[in-house]
């Protein structure tokens, strides 16, 4: 039997862990494997006897298992927040008897393990190649649809300009009743043109013009613009970390993203007494993108911007779809604003997430350092 550290204690799990249909591990506060189920033994090609008591990403495990990115930062965030967290596209390089390694990808769900004194349980959800190929096909289809939408938007705008011009001419010599109808045609034509321009921006495939910038300059511009416009009925407060280094981003596009988020928050707070929007910045060195071929360790995204409001939150039926095109929580919303925000941030190689519940909605943008 493999010698274990004197201070190591197996996690007491009962039969529930082995009943899980997918690989599961419990790591103690030192990152050592304190329990693993049958599915984990099979999927990781490692026995309990030889694994318990060893650090999952320690040197003595390197020939049998390599994980990128390391699960230690995820474990640290779980213990610090006492919440369940999720990391997608984790790469597991699993050793075989011939001395080689088989690469597998999985999503990892992590949560505090109950009554275990700082331990964390990891649930591994394998992601097979078919799902990855399917994702690529979906993205390709989406790009084709966006291209078609952009072309149609351009073609529709031309006759709309003629319709609007004709309605304006009709209004000059019309009776009051007919003038009202003509003005409605002009107004609705302008609204359609504005929608089509959103579609065109959504289909824009030009790369962002990345440069070093101070995120606080962007946030202050957004705050000042909002305070004299759509945000004048709400309180806009700030909580900045003045020590942040420069970010790598397109200043105009990042400003557009933050303005869009503050505008949405202002609209959600319309008519609410005590409506408040908070602009916050801070540093989180543990956050990074999932690994890929270009960056096997995952690109670091340490610079954080949060835009928070105390509005009603998103309706339950769209809470997990808010970044998809044509999904909107407002009666007359187009559903393109947050889709455009997501596209811009993705084009930056950055990350945006939302946490929404009644009384608190937070959008977090994670950016790389310059």
Foldseek 3Di string as FASTA:
>chain_A
DDDADPPAAADDDPCPQQPDPAWKFKAAQVQATRDIYPRNCVVQVHDPVVGGRHRCCDPVCVQAKDKFPDCVLVLVVQLVVQAKDKAFFIWIFGHDPVSGTDIWTWIWIKHDDPPRHSMIMITTGTDDPVNVVVVVVVVVVVLVVLVVLLVVLVVVLVVLVVLLVVLVVCLVPDDPVSVVVSVVSNVVSVVSNVVSVLSNLLNDPDFADWDWDDVVVLVVVLVVVLCVPLNVVAAEEEAEDVPDATFIGRSVLVSLLVNLVVNVLSVLCPPPPHKYKYKYKDFDQSDFHGADPVGRNGHTQGIKIKIKIQGQWAPPVCNPPLLPFQDDRDPPDRSSSSVSSQVRLVSQVWDWDWDTHHGMIMIMTTTHHD
